[in-house]
Protein backbone atom coordinates (compact mmCIF):
# COMPACT_ATOMS: atom_id res chain seq x y z
CA MET A 1 72.71 111.30 147.51
CA PRO A 2 75.17 112.35 150.23
CA THR A 3 75.63 109.50 152.75
CA ARG A 4 73.56 110.93 155.63
CA GLN A 5 70.77 112.12 153.34
CA ARG A 6 70.59 108.65 151.75
CA ALA A 7 70.46 106.99 155.20
CA HIS A 8 67.54 109.14 156.27
CA PHE A 9 65.74 108.59 152.98
CA ILE A 10 66.13 104.77 152.75
CA ASN A 11 65.36 104.34 156.54
CA SER A 12 62.11 106.22 156.07
CA LEU A 13 60.80 103.97 153.30
CA SER A 14 59.82 101.11 155.66
CA GLY A 15 57.47 103.27 157.66
CA PHE A 16 56.90 102.98 161.43
CA LYS A 17 59.18 100.61 163.30
CA SER A 18 59.25 99.40 166.89
CA ALA A 19 61.46 101.16 169.39
CA ASN A 20 63.13 98.77 171.82
CA LEU A 21 66.05 98.90 174.19
CA ILE A 22 68.22 95.78 174.30
CA GLY A 23 69.86 95.12 177.64
CA THR A 24 72.90 93.01 178.03
CA GLN A 25 75.69 92.26 180.58
CA ASP A 26 79.20 91.04 180.16
CA VAL A 27 80.97 88.31 182.26
CA ASN A 28 82.23 90.98 184.66
CA GLY A 29 78.71 92.35 185.33
CA GLN A 30 79.15 95.45 183.14
CA THR A 31 75.70 96.42 181.80
CA ASN A 32 75.02 97.73 178.30
CA LEU A 33 71.92 99.25 176.74
CA ALA A 34 71.23 100.08 173.09
CA ILE A 35 68.18 101.17 171.10
CA PHE A 36 67.12 99.06 168.13
CA SER A 37 64.27 99.66 165.55
CA SER A 38 64.59 96.23 163.89
CA VAL A 39 63.02 93.84 166.37
CA VAL A 40 60.55 91.54 164.57
CA HIS A 41 58.19 88.72 165.56
CA LEU A 42 59.27 85.34 164.09
CA GLY A 43 56.82 82.86 165.67
CA ALA A 44 54.58 82.21 168.64
CA SER A 45 55.40 78.59 169.43
CA PRO A 46 58.22 78.62 170.12
CA ALA A 47 58.14 82.33 170.92
CA LEU A 48 60.88 83.68 168.62
CA VAL A 49 62.00 87.24 167.94
CA GLY A 50 64.82 88.56 165.80
CA PHE A 51 66.69 91.80 165.24
CA ILE A 52 69.35 93.10 162.84
CA MET A 53 72.80 93.83 164.08
CA ARG A 54 74.84 96.19 161.86
CA PRO A 55 78.29 95.10 160.54
CA ASP A 56 80.63 94.03 163.26
CA ASN A 57 83.46 96.63 163.62
CA ASN A 58 85.03 94.86 166.66
CA ASP A 59 83.30 97.35 168.94
CA ARG A 60 79.76 95.95 169.18
CA HIS A 61 79.15 95.70 172.95
CA THR A 62 75.59 94.29 172.55
CA LEU A 63 76.70 91.60 170.12
CA ASP A 64 79.69 90.61 172.22
CA ASN A 65 77.64 90.35 175.37
CA ILE A 66 74.87 88.29 173.76
CA SER A 67 77.45 85.96 172.22
CA MET A 68 79.04 85.35 175.59
CA SER A 69 76.08 85.25 177.94
CA LYS A 70 73.44 83.88 175.51
CA GLN A 71 70.83 86.08 177.25
CA TYR A 72 69.42 89.56 176.70
CA THR A 73 66.35 91.64 177.41
CA ILE A 74 64.12 93.56 175.05
CA ASN A 75 62.34 96.51 176.59
CA GLN A 76 59.67 98.60 174.76
CA VAL A 77 60.23 102.30 174.76
CA SER A 78 57.37 104.53 175.92
CA ALA A 79 56.72 108.24 175.61
CA ASP A 80 57.98 109.19 179.09
CA PHE A 81 61.57 108.15 178.43
CA TYR A 82 62.03 108.03 174.64
CA GLU A 83 64.67 110.86 174.69
CA LYS A 84 66.81 108.86 177.16
CA ALA A 85 66.31 105.75 175.02
CA HIS A 86 67.46 107.59 171.90
CA GLN A 87 70.60 108.80 173.70
CA THR A 88 71.77 105.16 174.08
CA SER A 89 72.68 105.25 170.39
CA ALA A 90 75.69 107.46 171.24
CA ARG A 91 79.02 105.64 171.14
CA TYR A 92 79.88 105.27 174.78
CA PRO A 93 83.09 103.38 175.70
CA ARG A 94 82.73 99.78 176.78
CA GLU A 95 83.52 100.60 180.42
CA LYS A 96 80.55 103.02 180.57
CA SER A 97 76.99 101.77 181.18
CA GLU A 98 74.35 103.49 179.11
CA PHE A 99 71.94 102.95 181.98
CA ASP A 100 74.02 105.36 184.11
CA GLU A 101 74.88 107.72 181.22
CA VAL A 102 71.33 108.38 180.20
CA GLY A 103 69.62 108.09 183.56
CA LEU A 104 67.65 104.81 183.24
CA SER A 105 67.33 102.15 185.95
CA THR A 106 68.26 98.46 185.88
CA PHE A 107 65.95 95.76 187.05
CA HIS A 108 67.10 92.12 187.42
CA LEU A 109 65.59 88.65 187.72
CA ASP A 110 67.63 86.05 189.41
CA SER A 111 67.30 83.59 186.53
CA ILE A 112 68.30 86.13 183.85
CA ASN A 113 71.89 87.21 183.27
CA ALA A 114 70.91 90.48 181.62
CA PRO A 115 69.44 93.75 182.92
CA PHE A 116 65.89 94.94 182.23
CA VAL A 117 64.91 98.60 181.91
CA LYS A 118 62.89 99.31 185.07
CA GLU A 119 61.02 102.16 183.42
CA SER A 120 59.79 99.99 180.51
CA ARG A 121 56.22 98.74 181.07
CA LEU A 122 56.54 95.82 178.65
CA LYS A 123 59.76 93.84 178.62
CA TYR A 124 60.92 90.32 178.13
CA ALA A 125 63.94 88.07 178.51
CA VAL A 126 65.39 86.32 175.49
CA THR A 127 67.77 83.35 175.15
CA LEU A 128 70.01 83.36 172.06
CA LYS A 129 69.19 80.62 169.58
CA GLU A 130 71.06 81.50 166.43
CA ILE A 131 73.04 84.28 164.75
CA LEU A 132 72.65 84.30 160.91
CA PRO A 133 75.11 86.29 158.86
CA ILE A 134 73.68 88.22 155.91
CA PRO A 135 76.53 88.45 153.37
CA LEU A 136 74.73 90.99 151.18
CA ASN A 137 75.56 93.84 153.55
CA ASN A 138 77.64 92.16 156.28
CA THR A 139 74.86 92.39 158.90
CA LEU A 140 73.70 89.80 161.40
CA PHE A 141 70.19 88.53 162.12
CA VAL A 142 70.06 87.62 165.83
CA ILE A 143 67.35 85.15 166.74
CA GLY A 144 66.25 84.37 170.28
CA GLU A 145 63.47 82.66 172.22
CA ILE A 146 61.35 84.61 174.74
CA THR A 147 61.52 83.01 178.16
CA ASP A 148 60.00 85.59 180.54
CA VAL A 149 57.59 88.51 180.01
CA ILE A 150 56.97 91.40 182.41
CA CYS A 151 53.92 93.50 181.63
CA ASP A 152 51.18 95.51 183.34
CA GLN A 153 48.43 92.92 183.78
CA GLU A 154 45.60 95.33 183.11
CA VAL A 155 46.64 95.86 179.44
CA ILE A 156 46.52 92.16 178.61
CA GLU A 157 43.03 91.36 177.18
CA ASN A 158 41.19 88.09 177.54
CA ASP A 159 42.18 86.89 174.11
CA GLY A 160 45.92 87.55 174.83
CA TYR A 161 46.10 90.81 172.87
CA ILE A 162 48.45 93.36 174.55
CA ASP A 163 47.10 96.91 174.27
CA ILE A 164 50.52 98.54 173.76
CA GLU A 165 48.89 101.87 172.87
CA SER A 166 47.68 102.27 176.48
CA LEU A 167 51.33 101.80 177.54
CA GLN A 168 52.24 104.88 175.47
CA THR A 169 54.66 102.68 173.44
CA VAL A 170 56.43 104.73 170.81
CA SER A 171 57.50 103.86 167.30
CA VAL A 172 60.29 105.21 165.14
CA SER A 173 60.30 106.50 161.53
CA GLY A 174 63.56 107.19 159.75
CA LEU A 175 66.49 107.34 162.11
CA ASP A 176 65.34 109.82 164.72
CA SER A 177 61.61 110.59 164.53
CA TYR A 178 59.50 109.24 167.43
CA HIS A 179 55.70 108.74 167.43
CA THR A 180 52.85 107.64 169.59
CA SER A 181 49.96 105.79 167.93
CA GLN A 182 46.21 106.15 167.61
CA ARG A 183 44.37 102.88 166.98
CA LEU A 184 41.73 102.81 164.25
CA SER A 185 40.07 99.55 165.41
CA ARG A 186 40.58 95.82 165.91
CA LEU A 187 39.28 93.73 163.06
CA SER A 188 37.88 90.17 163.07
CA TYR A 189 39.89 87.23 161.64
CA ALA A 190 39.97 87.68 157.86
CA LYS A 191 38.31 85.02 155.68
CA PRO A 192 38.02 84.76 151.86
CA ASN A 193 34.88 85.42 149.86
CA ILE A 194 33.84 88.54 151.81
CA ASN A 195 31.82 91.14 149.94
CA PRO A 196 33.79 94.40 149.75
CA HIS A 197 30.68 96.21 150.97
CA GLU A 198 30.78 94.10 154.13
CA ILE A 199 34.38 95.20 154.74
CA ASN A 200 33.26 98.85 154.57
CA ASP A 201 30.39 98.20 156.96
CA LYS A 202 32.77 96.65 159.55
CA LEU A 203 34.90 99.75 159.41
CA LYS A 204 32.00 102.14 160.03
């Protein structure tokens, strides 16, 4: 396949992916914002998340800032600003802040040396723990620990579940297709030796 066609095809195979903006800041206070669709949960205790960084071409502002400051923010993208979020994937020069270029606002906590996206309704601060090289394709797996979470209180249910659908959180398929979700249901904790007919009854 031609390069771009192959990229669209292979990126579509994994289905819906999360859409997150990663906010960073360099030692001079220059902010940076970039969209990622590879953020994944790694563990709850400690609270670890990871994401894939493409091969380093000596112009990776997000990677450079994380490596220096050891802190970054992850901000879920919602339907009311997904177009601005997508625009952060453009190759802006280092001296330009994507916040300013796409029209999103910064939000800071005194203890965090990285900017949040004010418009995001679910965001969290992360401290770098490890960067693992993946020799197969020269990418990096960046692992961090969540230290602070900012979220609308009313969407956090009693059991800790966050109703991200009510926040209009979007997902990505392929490289550039954005979607909102429609929940089918929440299911009970799965146990073995359940009759298949009981599973069907629970879904009715």
